[in-house]
């Protein structure tokens, strides 16, 4: 990836983060003013000097091998803050559940990889959530689907805020079904023990004669949960869809789709799968060089 392209991606990410933080600061200021009886005054708080630190990082139940069963919008960036004397837009208050078992939204909680059970509900499905994957090959921005998959999105967002995915690798590429797999901090492989739990299928899938079938259809640019063959078997591993061959998974339809990237993100995905090197693992292969997920940052609006 060119230096110019990487710099442009980082600049755009900084703009998104700055706008999201400014919106949250406005909401906090508004709540303080209400408590103090300050009336209808509006304060616009502008944050400068955004700096990001990135730190380095499957579940048996998360393990994903469709080879054995299958013959194989650009997110809208927040608008710049308008002058308070002319703006008619109301700030959005970011309100999330205050469960003490939830990690800090700013990722200040200690990194945690192992859990005694599923994550509590830590997101507010009424808000919009975006996952920013900072990878060694470029940035992938994913709009998460809180409307149709609130529980799956909550699980991913909460793990990301615990730092679960930071420093992990995208360890699998398989052009026969156009997927890139990752999300395994313990072993960086499909055999990772995972977070210590699995999550319910969303929705509940049909199970006739022990064969699960679901409603999902697969197109390029999606963020999808990996799983094993049994019901309710997703945990933390995920995969990106990068091309039309991913539609070969439609006959199963049980890999939960919970996010979509834009053309820029899809381009990075396709660059990564372009590094594919086959092996005899039965999972297709892996990138010819290590591809690292430096961090996953969650933006809320």
Protein backbone atom coordinates (compact mmCIF):
# COMPACT_ATOMS: atom_id res chain seq x y z
CA UNK A 1 0.00 0.00 0.00
CA UNK A 2 1.35 3.47 -0.92
CA UNK A 3 2.42 5.91 1.77
CA UNK A 4 -0.02 8.46 0.35
CA UNK A 5 -2.97 6.06 0.59
CA UNK A 6 -2.10 5.04 4.16
CA UNK A 7 -1.76 8.70 5.19
CA UNK A 8 -5.12 9.50 3.62
CA UNK A 9 -6.78 6.62 5.52
CA UNK A 10 -5.28 7.75 8.82
CA UNK A 11 -6.35 11.34 8.17
CA UNK A 12 -9.93 10.22 7.46
CA UNK A 13 -9.97 8.07 10.58
CA UNK A 14 -8.75 10.99 12.68
CA UNK A 15 -11.56 13.15 11.28
CA UNK A 16 -14.16 10.51 12.18
CA UNK A 17 -12.79 10.05 15.68
CA UNK A 18 -12.53 13.80 16.29
CA UNK A 19 -16.12 14.34 15.17
CA UNK A 20 -17.39 11.48 17.34
CA UNK A 21 -15.52 12.77 20.37
CA UNK A 22 -16.76 16.31 19.79
CA UNK A 23 -20.36 15.03 19.67
CA UNK A 24 -19.90 13.12 22.92
CA UNK A 25 -18.34 16.16 24.60
CA UNK A 26 -21.25 18.35 23.51
CA UNK A 27 -23.69 15.84 24.99
CA UNK A 28 -21.84 15.78 28.31
CA UNK A 29 -21.74 19.59 28.42
CA UNK A 30 -25.46 19.79 27.67
CA UNK A 31 -26.28 17.39 30.49
CA UNK A 32 -24.16 19.42 32.93
CA UNK A 33 -25.89 22.62 31.90
CA UNK A 34 -29.31 21.05 32.39
CA UNK A 35 -28.35 19.94 35.88
CA UNK A 36 -27.12 23.45 36.69
CA UNK A 37 -30.25 25.05 35.24
CA UNK A 38 -28.35 26.85 32.51
CA UNK A 39 -31.33 26.96 30.13
CA UNK A 40 -30.85 26.59 26.42
CA UNK A 41 -27.21 27.67 26.04
CA UNK A 42 -25.23 25.64 23.53
CA UNK A 43 -21.53 24.97 23.92
CA UNK A 44 -19.49 23.58 21.07
CA UNK A 45 -16.40 21.77 22.32
CA UNK A 46 -13.67 21.34 19.71
CA UNK A 47 -11.05 18.68 20.28
CA UNK A 48 -7.61 18.99 18.65
CA UNK A 49 -4.46 16.94 18.77
CA UNK A 50 -6.01 13.48 18.27
CA UNK A 51 -3.35 10.82 18.93
CA UNK A 52 -3.81 7.11 18.68
CA UNK A 53 -1.74 4.40 20.27
CA UNK A 54 -2.00 0.95 18.81
CA UNK A 55 -0.91 -2.09 20.76
CA UNK A 56 -0.09 -5.55 19.66
CA UNK A 57 -2.21 -8.82 20.66
CA UNK A 58 -10.36 -19.65 17.46
CA UNK A 59 -12.22 -21.03 19.25
CA UNK A 60 -12.82 -24.73 19.04
CA UNK A 61 -16.45 -23.69 19.01
CA UNK A 62 -15.52 -20.82 16.73
CA UNK A 63 -13.61 -22.94 14.24
CA UNK A 64 -14.86 -22.46 10.71
CA UNK A 65 -14.31 -24.84 7.82
CA UNK A 66 -16.89 -24.46 5.05
CA UNK A 67 -14.59 -26.37 2.71
CA UNK A 68 -15.95 -29.61 4.16
CA UNK A 69 -19.57 -28.57 3.64
CA UNK A 70 -19.49 -26.20 0.66
CA UNK A 71 -18.07 -26.94 -2.78
CA UNK A 72 -16.82 -23.93 -1.67
CA UNK A 73 -21.33 2.44 0.96
CA UNK A 74 -19.05 4.25 2.16
CA UNK A 75 -20.01 5.03 5.78
CA UNK A 76 -21.25 8.57 6.13
CA UNK A 77 -18.63 10.60 7.97
CA UNK A 78 -19.92 13.00 10.63
CA UNK A 79 -20.35 16.48 9.19
CA UNK A 80 -18.04 19.21 10.54
CA UNK A 81 -19.33 21.14 13.54
CA UNK A 82 -21.33 24.18 12.46
CA UNK A 83 -21.15 27.58 14.15
CA UNK A 84 -23.44 27.55 17.19
CA UNK A 85 -25.19 30.73 16.07
CA UNK A 86 -26.46 29.15 12.84
CA UNK A 87 -26.73 25.44 13.58
CA UNK A 88 -30.19 23.94 14.02
CA UNK A 89 -28.91 20.39 14.64
CA UNK A 90 -29.40 18.91 18.11
CA UNK A 91 -26.44 16.97 19.55
CA UNK A 92 -26.97 13.24 20.06
CA UNK A 93 -26.49 12.05 23.60
CA UNK A 94 -24.47 8.84 23.69
CA UNK A 95 -26.09 6.68 26.33
CA UNK A 96 -25.09 3.06 26.89
CA UNK A 97 -25.91 0.51 29.61
CA UNK A 98 -23.86 1.05 32.76
CA UNK A 99 -23.29 -2.62 33.64
CA UNK A 100 -20.12 -2.77 35.80
CA UNK A 101 -19.04 -5.86 33.85
CA UNK A 102 -18.78 -3.83 30.63
CA UNK A 103 -15.37 -2.53 29.53
CA UNK A 104 -14.69 1.19 29.27
CA UNK A 105 -15.79 2.47 25.84
CA UNK A 106 -12.41 4.21 25.45
CA UNK A 107 -10.57 0.86 25.84
CA UNK A 108 -8.92 1.98 29.07
CA UNK A 109 -9.93 -1.28 30.80
CA UNK A 110 -7.17 -3.91 31.09
CA UNK A 111 -6.94 -6.13 28.02
CA UNK A 112 -8.90 -9.33 28.66
CA UNK A 113 -9.01 -12.50 26.55
CA UNK A 114 -10.81 -15.05 28.74
CA UNK A 115 -14.30 -14.79 30.20
CA UNK A 116 -16.57 -16.91 32.40
CA UNK A 117 -19.62 -16.34 30.21
CA UNK A 118 -21.12 -14.27 27.38
CA UNK A 119 -20.74 -10.50 27.41
CA UNK A 120 -23.47 -8.42 29.07
CA UNK A 121 -25.42 -5.97 26.89
CA UNK A 122 -22.97 -3.06 26.71
CA UNK A 123 -24.26 -1.23 23.63
CA UNK A 124 -27.37 0.79 22.93
CA UNK A 125 -28.87 -0.63 19.71
CA UNK A 126 -30.48 2.77 19.06
CA UNK A 127 -27.01 4.17 18.26
CA UNK A 128 -24.84 3.58 15.21
CA UNK A 129 -21.63 1.60 15.76
CA UNK A 130 -18.64 1.54 13.45
CA UNK A 131 -15.60 -0.75 13.77
CA UNK A 132 -12.30 0.61 12.46
CA UNK A 133 -9.78 -2.17 11.76
CA UNK A 134 -6.27 -0.74 11.65
CA UNK A 135 -4.34 -3.47 9.83
CA UNK A 136 -0.78 -3.70 8.57
CA UNK A 137 -2.20 -3.58 5.03
CA UNK A 138 -4.50 -0.59 5.55
CA UNK A 139 -7.68 0.53 7.26
CA UNK A 140 -11.03 -1.27 7.00
CA UNK A 141 -14.09 0.62 8.27
CA UNK A 142 -17.18 -1.47 8.99
CA UNK A 143 -20.71 -0.23 9.67
CA UNK A 144 -22.14 -2.66 12.25
CA UNK A 145 -25.75 -3.85 12.04
CA UNK A 146 -27.32 -3.11 15.42
CA UNK A 147 -30.82 -3.28 13.94
CA UNK A 148 -30.80 -6.87 12.69
CA UNK A 149 -28.01 -8.39 14.80
CA UNK A 150 -27.90 -6.47 18.11
CA UNK A 151 -26.58 -9.39 20.17
CA UNK A 152 -23.85 -10.35 17.71
CA UNK A 153 -22.83 -6.71 17.34
CA UNK A 154 -22.78 -6.27 21.12
CA UNK A 155 -20.53 -9.29 21.49
CA UNK A 156 -18.06 -7.99 18.90
CA UNK A 157 -18.07 -4.39 20.18
CA UNK A 158 -17.55 -5.49 23.77
CA UNK A 159 -14.69 -7.84 22.88
CA UNK A 160 -13.09 -5.08 20.81
CA UNK A 161 -13.30 -2.69 23.79
CA UNK A 162 -11.57 -5.32 25.94
CA UNK A 163 -8.74 -5.24 23.39
CA UNK A 164 -9.47 -8.82 22.39
CA UNK A 165 -8.62 -8.37 18.71
CA UNK A 166 -5.64 -6.03 19.08
CA UNK A 167 -2.37 -7.46 17.80
CA UNK A 168 -3.98 -10.54 16.26
CA UNK A 169 -3.36 -11.80 12.73
CA UNK A 170 -5.58 -12.52 9.77
CA UNK A 171 -4.37 -16.08 9.63
CA UNK A 172 -6.49 -17.60 6.88
CA UNK A 173 -7.20 -16.73 3.25
CA UNK A 174 -9.31 -18.91 0.96
CA UNK A 175 -9.95 -17.64 -2.57
CA UNK A 176 -12.19 -20.64 -3.34
CA UNK A 177 -14.85 -18.96 -1.18
CA UNK A 178 -13.25 -15.48 -1.08
CA UNK A 179 -12.84 -15.14 2.70
CA UNK A 180 -10.22 -13.84 5.14
CA UNK A 181 -10.44 -15.18 8.69
CA UNK A 182 -9.17 -13.78 11.98
CA UNK A 183 -10.08 -13.14 15.61
CA UNK A 184 -7.92 -15.68 17.45
CA UNK A 185 -5.69 -13.96 20.04
CA UNK A 186 -4.48 -17.09 21.83
CA UNK A 187 -3.11 -19.07 18.88
CA UNK A 188 -3.80 -17.03 15.71
CA UNK A 189 -5.31 -20.14 14.19
CA UNK A 190 -8.68 -21.77 13.59
CA UNK A 191 -8.11 -23.97 16.64
CA UNK A 192 -8.07 -21.08 19.12
CA UNK A 193 -9.92 -21.79 22.40
CA UNK A 194 -11.83 -18.53 22.06
CA UNK A 195 -13.20 -16.23 24.77
CA UNK A 196 -14.62 -19.07 26.89
CA UNK A 197 -18.20 -19.01 25.64
CA UNK A 198 -20.35 -19.07 22.51
CA UNK A 199 -23.31 -16.88 21.58
CA UNK A 200 -26.84 -17.74 20.38
CA UNK A 201 -27.55 -17.79 16.67
CA UNK A 202 -29.30 -14.66 15.48
CA UNK A 203 -31.96 -15.48 14.41
CA UNK A 204 -32.55 -19.09 15.49
CA UNK A 205 -31.73 -21.28 12.49
CA UNK A 206 -33.73 -24.13 11.03
CA UNK A 207 -32.47 -27.54 12.13
CA UNK A 208 -33.87 -30.41 10.10
CA UNK A 209 -32.27 -33.79 10.44
CA UNK A 210 -29.33 -32.23 12.23
CA UNK A 211 -28.59 -29.88 9.31
CA UNK A 212 -28.66 -26.17 10.11
CA UNK A 213 -29.82 -23.66 7.52
CA UNK A 214 -30.04 -19.90 7.93
CA UNK A 215 -31.24 -16.82 6.05
CA UNK A 216 -27.92 -15.12 5.34
CA UNK A 217 -26.60 -14.41 1.85
CA UNK A 218 -23.03 -13.39 1.15
CA UNK A 219 -21.63 -10.59 -1.00
CA UNK A 220 -18.24 -8.84 -1.05
CA UNK A 221 -17.36 -6.51 1.81
CA UNK A 222 -19.17 -8.14 4.73
CA UNK A 223 -18.04 -8.80 8.31
CA UNK A 224 -19.30 -12.25 9.30
CA UNK A 225 -19.05 -14.51 12.36
CA UNK A 226 -17.20 -17.80 11.98
CA UNK A 227 -18.72 -20.90 13.57
CA UNK A 228 -18.55 -24.67 13.81
CA UNK A 229 -21.24 -26.97 12.49
CA UNK A 230 -23.40 -27.03 15.63
CA UNK A 231 -26.06 -24.51 16.66
CA UNK A 232 -25.12 -21.45 18.73
CA UNK A 233 -21.42 -22.03 18.07
CA UNK A 234 -20.07 -18.56 17.18
CA UNK A 235 -17.80 -16.90 19.72
CA UNK A 236 -15.15 -14.44 18.58
CA UNK A 237 -13.63 -15.49 15.25
CA UNK A 238 -14.81 -13.56 12.21
CA UNK A 239 -14.21 -13.42 8.49
CA UNK A 240 -14.32 -10.82 5.74
CA UNK A 241 -15.98 -11.59 2.41
CA UNK A 242 -13.92 -10.34 -0.52
CA UNK A 243 -15.48 -11.58 -3.77
CA UNK A 244 -18.33 -13.33 -5.54
CA UNK A 245 -17.18 -16.85 -4.59
CA UNK A 246 -18.42 -16.16 -1.08
CA UNK A 247 -21.97 -16.73 -2.40
CA UNK A 248 -21.10 -20.45 -2.36
CA UNK A 249 -21.89 -20.26 1.37
CA UNK A 250 -25.49 -19.22 0.63
CA UNK A 251 -26.70 -22.82 0.76
CA UNK A 252 -25.82 -22.85 4.46
CA UNK A 253 -26.68 -19.26 5.35
CA UNK A 254 -25.69 -19.77 8.98
CA UNK A 255 -22.67 -17.48 9.18
CA UNK A 256 -24.07 -14.34 10.83
CA UNK A 257 -23.53 -11.18 8.78
CA UNK A 258 -23.27 -8.20 11.13
CA UNK A 259 -21.38 -5.52 9.21
CA UNK A 260 -20.53 -4.03 5.81
CA UNK A 261 -17.56 -2.01 4.60
CA UNK A 262 -17.24 0.58 1.81
CA UNK A 263 -15.29 0.42 -1.45
CA UNK A 264 -12.06 1.58 0.22
CA UNK A 265 -12.33 -1.13 2.88
CA UNK A 266 -13.17 -3.76 0.26
CA UNK A 267 -10.07 -2.70 -1.65
CA UNK A 268 -7.91 -3.42 1.42
CA UNK A 269 -9.63 -6.79 1.86
CA UNK A 270 -8.92 -7.68 -1.76
CA UNK A 271 -5.28 -6.62 -1.36
CA UNK A 272 -4.99 -9.01 1.59
CA UNK A 273 -6.55 -11.98 -0.15
CA UNK A 274 -4.27 -11.16 -3.08
CA UNK A 275 -1.41 -12.24 -0.78
CA UNK A 276 -2.87 -15.77 -0.59
CA UNK A 277 -0.45 -18.63 -0.40
CA UNK A 278 -1.99 -22.14 -0.47
CA UNK A 279 -1.07 -24.79 2.07
CA UNK A 280 -2.20 -28.27 3.05
CA UNK A 281 -4.13 -27.24 6.18
CA UNK A 282 -7.49 -27.94 4.56
CA UNK A 283 -8.47 -24.29 5.15
CA UNK A 284 -7.18 -22.90 1.88
CA UNK A 285 -4.01 -21.17 3.00
CA UNK A 286 -2.78 -17.91 4.49
CA UNK A 287 -1.23 -14.58 3.45
CA UNK A 288 2.33 -14.83 2.14
CA UNK A 289 3.35 -12.32 4.81
CA UNK A 290 1.94 -11.71 8.29
CA UNK A 291 -1.11 -9.46 8.23
CA UNK A 292 -1.72 -7.94 11.65
CA UNK A 293 -4.85 -6.33 13.08
CA UNK A 294 -3.07 -3.65 15.07
CA UNK A 295 -6.30 -2.55 16.74
CA UNK A 296 -10.07 -2.43 16.41
CA UNK A 297 -11.56 0.90 17.44
CA UNK A 298 -15.31 1.38 17.99
CA UNK A 299 -16.95 4.68 17.05
CA UNK A 300 -20.48 5.52 18.22
CA UNK A 301 -22.90 8.10 16.84
